[in-house]
Amino acid sequence: MTPSGRLRKHSVSIRGHATSYTLEDPFFELVEEIAATRELSVAALIAEVDSKRDRSINLSSALRLHVLDWLKSRITQG
C-alpha cells in the first residue's frame, strides 16, 4: 500500500447508472483487496456497498466505512 493520501476520482456503473466516487489511494487499494478476497469485481463490491448504505452519507464515505469495518473484522479474527 502506498502512503499517498492523494484523492483520486473513480467512475463506475451501478445497475446501469454511471456514478463517481473519490478515494485516497490506500482506501482504493483496500477496496481492490476486499473485492479480490471475496472474488468480486470492484464494481460489484461498490454496487453492494451502495445498495446497503444510508442515503444520508455519500458513496465515498460509505466505501471508507466499509474498508474500516473490514479491517476491524480482520483484527478481531486474529
PDB file of N, CA and C in Angstrom:
ATOM      1  N   MET A   1       0.849  -1.170   0.000  1.00  0.00           N
ATOM      2  CA  MET A   1       0.000   0.000   0.000  1.00  0.00           C
ATOM      3  C   MET A   1       0.897   1.236   0.000  1.00  0.00           C
ATOM      4  N   THR A   2       0.589   2.175  -0.861  1.00  0.00           N
ATOM      5  CA  THR A   2       1.378   3.395  -0.936  1.00  0.00           C
ATOM      6  C   THR A   2       0.939   4.367   0.152  1.00  0.00           C
ATOM      7  N   PRO A   3       1.851   5.237   0.597  1.00  0.00           N
ATOM      8  CA  PRO A   3       1.483   6.192   1.638  1.00  0.00           C
ATOM      9  C   PRO A   3       0.753   7.425   1.111  1.00  0.00           C
ATOM     10  N   SER A   4       0.453   7.462  -0.161  1.00  0.00           N
ATOM     11  CA  SER A   4      -0.158   8.639  -0.764  1.00  0.00           C
ATOM     12  C   SER A   4      -1.560   8.884  -0.228  1.00  0.00           C
ATOM     13  N   GLY A   5      -1.790  10.101   0.243  1.00  0.00           N
ATOM     14  CA  GLY A   5      -3.122  10.477   0.686  1.00  0.00           C
ATOM     15  C   GLY A   5      -3.868  11.235  -0.390  1.00  0.00           C
ATOM     16  N   ARG A   6      -3.322  11.200  -1.594  1.00  0.00           N
ATOM     17  CA  ARG A   6      -3.928  11.940  -2.701  1.00  0.00           C
ATOM     18  C   ARG A   6      -5.286  11.354  -3.059  1.00  0.00           C
ATOM     19  N   LEU A   7      -6.246  12.241  -3.247  1.00  0.00           N
ATOM     20  CA  LEU A   7      -7.582  11.817  -3.663  1.00  0.00           C
ATOM     21  C   LEU A   7      -7.606  11.564  -5.158  1.00  0.00           C
ATOM     22  N   ARG A   8      -8.278  10.496  -5.538  1.00  0.00           N
ATOM     23  CA  ARG A   8      -8.468  10.183  -6.960  1.00  0.00           C
ATOM     24  C   ARG A   8      -9.943   9.940  -7.201  1.00  0.00           C
ATOM     25  N   LYS A   9     -10.403  10.461  -8.311  1.00  0.00           N
ATOM     26  CA  LYS A   9     -11.797  10.261  -8.700  1.00  0.00           C
ATOM     27  C   LYS A   9     -11.883   9.001  -9.550  1.00  0.00           C
ATOM     28  N   HIS A  10     -12.867   8.165  -9.268  1.00  0.00           N
ATOM     29  CA  HIS A  10     -13.087   6.917  -9.993  1.00  0.00           C
ATOM     30  C   HIS A  10     -14.521   6.914 -10.511  1.00  0.00           C
ATOM     31  N   SER A  11     -14.721   6.284 -11.641  1.00  0.00           N
ATOM     32  CA  SER A  11     -16.063   6.152 -12.215  1.00  0.00           C
ATOM     33  C   SER A  11     -16.463   4.689 -12.226  1.00  0.00           C
ATOM     34  N   VAL A  12     -17.752   4.447 -12.032  1.00  0.00           N
ATOM     35  CA  VAL A  12     -18.266   3.083 -12.019  1.00  0.00           C
ATOM     36  C   VAL A  12     -19.723   3.119 -12.466  1.00  0.00           C
ATOM     37  N   SER A  13     -20.165   2.020 -13.040  1.00  0.00           N
ATOM     38  CA  SER A  13     -21.569   1.890 -13.412  1.00  0.00           C
ATOM     39  C   SER A  13     -22.242   0.973 -12.396  1.00  0.00           C
ATOM     40  N   ILE A  14     -23.282   1.487 -11.751  1.00  0.00           N
ATOM     41  CA  ILE A  14     -24.025   0.722 -10.748  1.00  0.00           C
ATOM     42  C   ILE A  14     -25.444   0.547 -11.254  1.00  0.00           C
ATOM     43  N   ARG A  15     -25.794  -0.701 -11.533  1.00  0.00           N
ATOM     44  CA  ARG A  15     -27.118  -1.018 -12.071  1.00  0.00           C
ATOM     45  C   ARG A  15     -27.470  -0.125 -13.266  1.00  0.00           C
ATOM     46  N   GLY A  16     -26.490   0.047 -14.152  1.00  0.00           N
ATOM     47  CA  GLY A  16     -26.703   0.808 -15.376  1.00  0.00           C
ATOM     48  C   GLY A  16     -26.609   2.313 -15.226  1.00  0.00           C
ATOM     49  N   HIS A  17     -26.297   2.792 -14.039  1.00  0.00           N
ATOM     50  CA  HIS A  17     -26.203   4.229 -13.788  1.00  0.00           C
ATOM     51  C   HIS A  17     -24.740   4.601 -13.543  1.00  0.00           C
ATOM     52  N   ALA A  18     -24.215   5.510 -14.347  1.00  0.00           N
ATOM     53  CA  ALA A  18     -22.831   5.957 -14.167  1.00  0.00           C
ATOM     54  C   ALA A  18     -22.747   6.876 -12.956  1.00  0.00           C
ATOM     55  N   THR A  19     -21.785   6.609 -12.095  1.00  0.00           N
ATOM     56  CA  THR A  19     -21.560   7.456 -10.926  1.00  0.00           C
ATOM     57  C   THR A  19     -20.066   7.524 -10.659  1.00  0.00           C
ATOM     58  N   SER A  20     -19.678   8.397  -9.779  1.00  0.00           N
ATOM     59  CA  SER A  20     -18.263   8.505  -9.442  1.00  0.00           C
ATOM     60  C   SER A  20     -18.112   8.623  -7.935  1.00  0.00           C
ATOM     61  N   TYR A  21     -16.909   8.337  -7.481  1.00  0.00           N
ATOM     62  CA  TYR A  21     -16.574   8.444  -6.068  1.00  0.00           C
ATOM     63  C   TYR A  21     -15.117   8.852  -5.991  1.00  0.00           C
ATOM     64  N   THR A  22     -14.728   9.399  -4.868  1.00  0.00           N
ATOM     65  CA  THR A  22     -13.362   9.869  -4.680  1.00  0.00           C
ATOM     66  C   THR A  22     -12.785   9.192  -3.446  1.00  0.00           C
ATOM     67  N   LEU A  23     -11.617   8.564  -3.627  1.00  0.00           N
ATOM     68  CA  LEU A  23     -10.949   7.896  -2.509  1.00  0.00           C
ATOM     69  C   LEU A  23      -9.457   8.191  -2.534  1.00  0.00           C
ATOM     70  N   GLU A  24      -8.860   8.178  -1.369  1.00  0.00           N
ATOM     71  CA  GLU A  24      -7.410   8.224  -1.265  1.00  0.00           C
ATOM     72  C   GLU A  24      -6.862   6.892  -1.769  1.00  0.00           C
ATOM     73  N   ASP A  25      -5.646   6.918  -2.308  1.00  0.00           N
ATOM     74  CA  ASP A  25      -5.055   5.700  -2.875  1.00  0.00           C
ATOM     75  C   ASP A  25      -5.082   4.501  -1.919  1.00  0.00           C
ATOM     76  N   PRO A  26      -4.703   4.666  -0.637  1.00  0.00           N
ATOM     77  CA  PRO A  26      -4.725   3.493   0.250  1.00  0.00           C
ATOM     78  C   PRO A  26      -6.120   2.885   0.416  1.00  0.00           C
ATOM     79  N   PHE A  27      -7.149   3.719   0.444  1.00  0.00           N
ATOM     80  CA  PHE A  27      -8.506   3.187   0.545  1.00  0.00           C
ATOM     81  C   PHE A  27      -8.882   2.424  -0.719  1.00  0.00           C
ATOM     82  N   PHE A  28      -8.529   2.973  -1.889  1.00  0.00           N
ATOM     83  CA  PHE A  28      -8.867   2.281  -3.128  1.00  0.00           C
ATOM     84  C   PHE A  28      -8.137   0.938  -3.216  1.00  0.00           C
ATOM     85  N   GLU A  29      -6.883   0.909  -2.790  1.00  0.00           N
ATOM     86  CA  GLU A  29      -6.135  -0.352  -2.805  1.00  0.00           C
ATOM     87  C   GLU A  29      -6.811  -1.395  -1.913  1.00  0.00           C
ATOM     88  N   LEU A  30      -7.344  -0.962  -0.783  1.00  0.00           N
ATOM     89  CA  LEU A  30      -8.041  -1.903   0.095  1.00  0.00           C
ATOM     90  C   LEU A  30      -9.387  -2.323  -0.473  1.00  0.00           C
ATOM     91  N   VAL A  31     -10.073  -1.429  -1.173  1.00  0.00           N
ATOM     92  CA  VAL A  31     -11.304  -1.823  -1.866  1.00  0.00           C
ATOM     93  C   VAL A  31     -10.981  -2.930  -2.866  1.00  0.00           C
ATOM     94  N   GLU A  32      -9.881  -2.768  -3.603  1.00  0.00           N
ATOM     95  CA  GLU A  32      -9.468  -3.810  -4.553  1.00  0.00           C
ATOM     96  C   GLU A  32      -9.158  -5.119  -3.830  1.00  0.00           C
ATOM     97  N   GLU A  33      -8.489  -5.034  -2.687  1.00  0.00           N
ATOM     98  CA  GLU A  33      -8.146  -6.238  -1.923  1.00  0.00           C
ATOM     99  C   GLU A  33      -9.396  -6.940  -1.390  1.00  0.00           C
ATOM    100  N   ILE A  34     -10.333  -6.165  -0.885  1.00  0.00           N
ATOM    101  CA  ILE A  34     -11.583  -6.746  -0.383  1.00  0.00           C
ATOM    102  C   ILE A  34     -12.317  -7.456  -1.517  1.00  0.00           C
ATOM    103  N   ALA A  35     -12.413  -6.798  -2.656  1.00  0.00           N
ATOM    104  CA  ALA A  35     -13.095  -7.403  -3.807  1.00  0.00           C
ATOM    105  C   ALA A  35     -12.407  -8.704  -4.213  1.00  0.00           C
ATOM    106  N   ALA A  36     -11.086  -8.690  -4.282  1.00  0.00           N
ATOM    107  CA  ALA A  36     -10.345  -9.891  -4.671  1.00  0.00           C
ATOM    108  C   ALA A  36     -10.546 -11.013  -3.656  1.00  0.00           C
ATOM    109  N   THR A  37     -10.521 -10.672  -2.383  1.00  0.00           N
ATOM    110  CA  THR A  37     -10.722 -11.661  -1.321  1.00  0.00           C
ATOM    111  C   THR A  37     -12.086 -12.328  -1.437  1.00  0.00           C
ATOM    112  N   ARG A  38     -13.072 -11.536  -1.834  1.00  0.00           N
ATOM    113  CA  ARG A  38     -14.444 -12.049  -1.954  1.00  0.00           C
ATOM    114  C   ARG A  38     -14.751 -12.564  -3.352  1.00  0.00           C
ATOM    115  N   GLU A  39     -13.746 -12.546  -4.221  1.00  0.00           N
ATOM    116  CA  GLU A  39     -13.887 -12.988  -5.617  1.00  0.00           C
ATOM    117  C   GLU A  39     -14.992 -12.214  -6.328  1.00  0.00           C
ATOM    118  N   LEU A  40     -14.981 -10.890  -6.126  1.00  0.00           N
ATOM    119  CA  LEU A  40     -15.911  -9.980  -6.781  1.00  0.00           C
ATOM    120  C   LEU A  40     -15.118  -8.992  -7.622  1.00  0.00           C
ATOM    121  N   SER A  41     -15.762  -8.422  -8.598  1.00  0.00           N
ATOM    122  CA  SER A  41     -15.146  -7.288  -9.280  1.00  0.00           C
ATOM    123  C   SER A  41     -15.267  -6.085  -8.349  1.00  0.00           C
ATOM    124  N   VAL A  42     -14.419  -5.100  -8.570  1.00  0.00           N
ATOM    125  CA  VAL A  42     -14.510  -3.873  -7.782  1.00  0.00           C
ATOM    126  C   VAL A  42     -15.893  -3.250  -7.971  1.00  0.00           C
ATOM    127  N   ALA A  43     -16.384  -3.241  -9.200  1.00  0.00           N
ATOM    128  CA  ALA A  43     -17.709  -2.664  -9.480  1.00  0.00           C
ATOM    129  C   ALA A  43     -18.806  -3.392  -8.706  1.00  0.00           C
ATOM    130  N   ALA A  44     -18.722  -4.717  -8.610  1.00  0.00           N
ATOM    131  CA  ALA A  44     -19.734  -5.486  -7.877  1.00  0.00           C
ATOM    132  C   ALA A  44     -19.687  -5.164  -6.385  1.00  0.00           C
ATOM    133  N   LEU A  45     -18.489  -5.043  -5.838  1.00  0.00           N
ATOM    134  CA  LEU A  45     -18.364  -4.689  -4.427  1.00  0.00           C
ATOM    135  C   LEU A  45     -18.932  -3.294  -4.173  1.00  0.00           C
ATOM    136  N   ILE A  46     -18.612  -2.361  -5.044  1.00  0.00           N
ATOM    137  CA  ILE A  46     -19.111  -0.993  -4.878  1.00  0.00           C
ATOM    138  C   ILE A  46     -20.631  -0.959  -4.987  1.00  0.00           C
ATOM    139  N   ALA A  47     -21.187  -1.718  -5.907  1.00  0.00           N
ATOM    140  CA  ALA A  47     -22.648  -1.786  -6.035  1.00  0.00           C
ATOM    141  C   ALA A  47     -23.274  -2.337  -4.755  1.00  0.00           C
ATOM    142  N   GLU A  48     -22.635  -3.330  -4.154  1.00  0.00           N
ATOM    143  CA  GLU A  48     -23.140  -3.908  -2.904  1.00  0.00           C
ATOM    144  C   GLU A  48     -23.112  -2.875  -1.779  1.00  0.00           C
ATOM    145  N   VAL A  49     -21.984  -2.183  -1.649  1.00  0.00           N
ATOM    146  CA  VAL A  49     -21.867  -1.147  -0.617  1.00  0.00           C
ATOM    147  C   VAL A  49     -22.908  -0.057  -0.855  1.00  0.00           C
ATOM    148  N   ASP A  50     -23.074   0.329  -2.110  1.00  0.00           N
ATOM    149  CA  ASP A  50     -24.043   1.370  -2.453  1.00  0.00           C
ATOM    150  C   ASP A  50     -25.462   0.954  -2.081  1.00  0.00           C
ATOM    151  N   SER A  51     -25.804  -0.298  -2.316  1.00  0.00           N
ATOM    152  CA  SER A  51     -27.174  -0.755  -2.042  1.00  0.00           C
ATOM    153  C   SER A  51     -27.478  -0.813  -0.551  1.00  0.00           C
ATOM    154  N   LYS A  52     -26.437  -0.936   0.275  1.00  0.00           N
ATOM    155  CA  LYS A  52     -26.632  -1.065   1.719  1.00  0.00           C
ATOM    156  C   LYS A  52     -26.393   0.233   2.484  1.00  0.00           C
ATOM    157  N   ARG A  53     -25.900   1.266   1.813  1.00  0.00           N
ATOM    158  CA  ARG A  53     -25.518   2.476   2.545  1.00  0.00           C
ATOM    159  C   ARG A  53     -26.727   3.308   2.946  1.00  0.00           C
ATOM    160  N   ASP A  54     -26.562   4.009   4.036  1.00  0.00           N
ATOM    161  CA  ASP A  54     -27.534   5.004   4.478  1.00  0.00           C
ATOM    162  C   ASP A  54     -27.458   6.157   3.484  1.00  0.00           C
ATOM    163  N   ARG A  55     -28.556   6.562   2.939  1.00  0.00           N
ATOM    164  CA  ARG A  55     -28.564   7.602   1.904  1.00  0.00           C
ATOM    165  C   ARG A  55     -28.154   8.966   2.430  1.00  0.00           C
ATOM    166  N   SER A  56     -27.973   9.095   3.742  1.00  0.00           N
ATOM    167  CA  SER A  56     -27.512  10.371   4.281  1.00  0.00           C
ATOM    168  C   SER A  56     -25.999  10.536   4.143  1.00  0.00           C
ATOM    169  N   ILE A  57     -25.301   9.449   3.753  1.00  0.00           N
ATOM    170  CA  ILE A  57     -23.856   9.564   3.518  1.00  0.00           C
ATOM    171  C   ILE A  57     -23.570   9.272   2.054  1.00  0.00           C
ATOM    172  N   ASN A  58     -22.510   9.883   1.555  1.00  0.00           N
ATOM    173  CA  ASN A  58     -22.190   9.688   0.139  1.00  0.00           C
ATOM    174  C   ASN A  58     -21.448   8.367  -0.079  1.00  0.00           C
ATOM    175  N   LEU A  59     -21.335   7.981  -1.327  1.00  0.00           N
ATOM    176  CA  LEU A  59     -20.713   6.698  -1.672  1.00  0.00           C
ATOM    177  C   LEU A  59     -19.262   6.635  -1.220  1.00  0.00           C
ATOM    178  N   SER A  60     -18.520   7.715  -1.380  1.00  0.00           N
ATOM    179  CA  SER A  60     -17.111   7.722  -0.959  1.00  0.00           C
ATOM    180  C   SER A  60     -16.987   7.424   0.530  1.00  0.00           C
ATOM    181  N   SER A  61     -17.800   8.069   1.338  1.00  0.00           N
ATOM    182  CA  SER A  61     -17.778   7.825   2.787  1.00  0.00           C
ATOM    183  C   SER A  61     -18.202   6.400   3.108  1.00  0.00           C
ATOM    184  N   ALA A  62     -19.214   5.909   2.410  1.00  0.00           N
ATOM    185  CA  ALA A  62     -19.673   4.536   2.634  1.00  0.00           C
ATOM    186  C   ALA A  62     -18.562   3.535   2.324  1.00  0.00           C
ATOM    187  N   LEU A  63     -17.793   3.794   1.285  1.00  0.00           N
ATOM    188  CA  LEU A  63     -16.685   2.898   0.946  1.00  0.00           C
ATOM    189  C   LEU A  63     -15.599   2.941   2.017  1.00  0.00           C
ATOM    190  N   ARG A  64     -15.280   4.117   2.511  1.00  0.00           N
ATOM    191  CA  ARG A  64     -14.281   4.216   3.584  1.00  0.00           C
ATOM    192  C   ARG A  64     -14.755   3.464   4.826  1.00  0.00           C
ATOM    193  N   LEU A  65     -16.025   3.613   5.174  1.00  0.00           N
ATOM    194  CA  LEU A  65     -16.571   2.906   6.338  1.00  0.00           C
ATOM    195  C   LEU A  65     -16.561   1.392   6.126  1.00  0.00           C
ATOM    196  N   HIS A  66     -16.824   0.961   4.895  1.00  0.00           N
ATOM    197  CA  HIS A  66     -16.780  -0.472   4.584  1.00  0.00           C
ATOM    198  C   HIS A  66     -15.358  -1.003   4.771  1.00  0.00           C
ATOM    199  N   VAL A  67     -14.377  -0.258   4.292  1.00  0.00           N
ATOM    200  CA  VAL A  67     -12.973  -0.652   4.471  1.00  0.00           C
ATOM    201  C   VAL A  67     -12.645  -0.723   5.960  1.00  0.00           C
ATOM    202  N   LEU A  68     -13.067   0.268   6.726  1.00  0.00           N
ATOM    203  CA  LEU A  68     -12.812   0.276   8.165  1.00  0.00           C
ATOM    204  C   LEU A  68     -13.436  -0.942   8.843  1.00  0.00           C
ATOM    205  N   ASP A  69     -14.678  -1.251   8.517  1.00  0.00           N
ATOM    206  CA  ASP A  69     -15.334  -2.438   9.086  1.00  0.00           C
ATOM    207  C   ASP A  69     -14.584  -3.712   8.724  1.00  0.00           C
ATOM    208  N   TRP A  70     -14.124  -3.804   7.474  1.00  0.00           N
ATOM    209  CA  TRP A  70     -13.386  -4.983   7.020  1.00  0.00           C
ATOM    210  C   TRP A  70     -12.083  -5.130   7.800  1.00  0.00           C
ATOM    211  N   LEU A  71     -11.367  -4.008   7.978  1.00  0.00           N
ATOM    212  CA  LEU A  71     -10.115  -4.053   8.737  1.00  0.00           C
ATOM    213  C   LEU A  71     -10.365  -4.444  10.192  1.00  0.00           C
ATOM    214  N   LYS A  72     -11.405  -3.894  10.793  1.00  0.00           N
ATOM    215  CA  LYS A  72     -11.738  -4.241  12.178  1.00  0.00           C
ATOM    216  C   LYS A  72     -12.058  -5.722  12.310  1.00  0.00           C
ATOM    217  N   SER A  73     -12.766  -6.280  11.337  1.00  0.00           N
ATOM    218  CA  SER A  73     -13.098  -7.707  11.410  1.00  0.00           C
ATOM    219  C   SER A  73     -11.849  -8.568  11.274  1.00  0.00           C
ATOM    220  N   ARG A  74     -10.895  -8.126  10.481  1.00  0.00           N
ATOM    221  CA  ARG A  74      -9.635  -8.879  10.340  1.00  0.00           C
ATOM    222  C   ARG A  74      -8.826  -8.842  11.622  1.00  0.00           C
ATOM    223  N   ILE A  75      -8.858  -7.718  12.318  1.00  0.00           N
ATOM    224  CA  ILE A  75      -8.130  -7.594  13.580  1.00  0.00           C
ATOM    225  C   ILE A  75      -8.730  -8.532  14.622  1.00  0.00           C
ATOM    226  N   THR A  76     -10.050  -8.562  14.712  1.00  0.00           N
ATOM    227  CA  THR A  76     -10.692  -9.400  15.730  1.00  0.00           C
ATOM    228  C   THR A  76     -10.593 -10.885  15.407  1.00  0.00           C
ATOM    229  N   GLN A  77     -10.415 -11.216  14.117  1.00  0.00           N
ATOM    230  CA  GLN A  77     -10.260 -12.620  13.734  1.00  0.00           C
ATOM    231  C   GLN A  77      -8.858 -13.123  14.021  1.00  0.00           C
ATOM    232  N   GLY A  78      -7.940 -12.218  14.277  1.00  0.00           N
ATOM    233  CA  GLY A  78      -6.612 -12.612  14.681  1.00  0.00           C
ATOM    234  C   GLY A  78      -5.617 -12.538  13.626  1.00  0.00           C
TER     235      GLY A  78
END
